[in-house]
Amino acid sequence: MPLLGLRALILLVSLSATAAAQDKNPEPKAANGEAVSELGKNIMYVMQAKNDVYWFGSNDSGVYRYDGKTLVNFTTKDGLVSNQIRGVQEDKSGHIYFTTYEGISRFDGRAFTTLTASEKADPKEWKLRPDDLWFVGPQDSGVVFRYDGTSLHRLAIPKTKIGEEWLDQFPRTKFPNARSNPYDAYTIVKDRKGNLWIGTANAGAGRFDGDSFRWLYEDHLTNVENGGSFGIRSIHEDKSGAFWICNTRYRFGIDAKDAPKPEKGMLKYKREKGFDVNASDGSDRVYFMSVVEDAKGVLWMATYNAGVWRYDGESATRYPVKDGAKEITLFAVYKDNRGDLWLGTHKAGAYKFNGKTFEKWRP
């Protein structure tokens, strides 16, 4: 075959292979969304990206993007994997990630793609790297996910004595329709030393230091006084290095020198006094869904049905959050790039602090 003909044949084969590859991995459809005049009612999360764009994650209507001028709603019609959002975060490149029970969506500024996780949980992939992203897993799974920028790793939360005792008490053979796993992750955060903390449904709070897990469990952190289970929904290390976990009664000094020797697999810690409250149900503590610390070191705690509590280290003040005359229920509190405080609510949209009170936000 003449050299020119051979080159033409090679080029044709190469183009055919490229076209076939493109057919197998088509470019995601651009997400245009729909311009809207207001947010949906159930806003679970508020997040401001590095470019100052706000993202609002809903419990039932996808996500909303606000650039200071236009509010745009994105749903599964635009490529989002689910309209029920369970978390929003950003990577170092500015990509936005949305956690849902159906999977994890990444938005690159143009389109949504769904991350595909490994089918099996590999314990060797429990690694702690500064740029990795962490995501809670689906309900009743007992797993979390770690994304290293290339692969999404499925990771089973290690079994504990407390967790296994819970499973013995509530066996699936007796409760086949229960959609609860003691190892389900409610929250994932990093402390100042870079350790990873996972708050679970009924196994307590676990700390992963890159090599091993150690746990903190106290019954009152998971189970409320008047019955029912709250789980570990929020973990925060304050400016002094103490940890606030779920409720206001105590804070915890982790690895404190004068702390008692722990049992095997448990964290060394001591309890310190939190602050006193008079909850509406007569309790001496309130459970918070979410907490942030402002520039002055003041803690702001969002509760489900008791408003927001502000604690400055000496005194605590409650801020009721209302829609008209009625107090509303809350999901989360968030601090934006300027230090402004936001609330995600149940059936009332998003709220913003005006310096005196929290008021309903409208674009």
Foldseek 3Di string as FASTA:
>chain_A
DDPVVVVVVVVVVVVVVVVVVCVVVPDAAWQPAAWDFWDFQFWQDWAAFPLRWIWTQGQAFAIWIHPPPTIGGTAVVQPDQHNGFQDWDAFPLGWIWTDDQRFIWIHPPTGIDGADEDPDADQVPLFFDDRWDKAFYHFLPQWIWIHPPPHIHIHHDDDDPFQVVVCVVVPCVNVVPDRHGQNGFQDWDADPVRWIWTWGQGQAIWTHPGPDIAGDDDPCLFAPPVGDGDTFQEWDQFPVRWIDTFKQQWIKDWPDPPFDDDDPRHTGIDIDGGDFDQDPVRDRMATFNEWDAFPLRWIWGAGFQQAIWIHNPPDIDHAFDDDVPHGFGFNYWDQYPVRWIKTRGRRHGIWTDPPPHTDRDTD
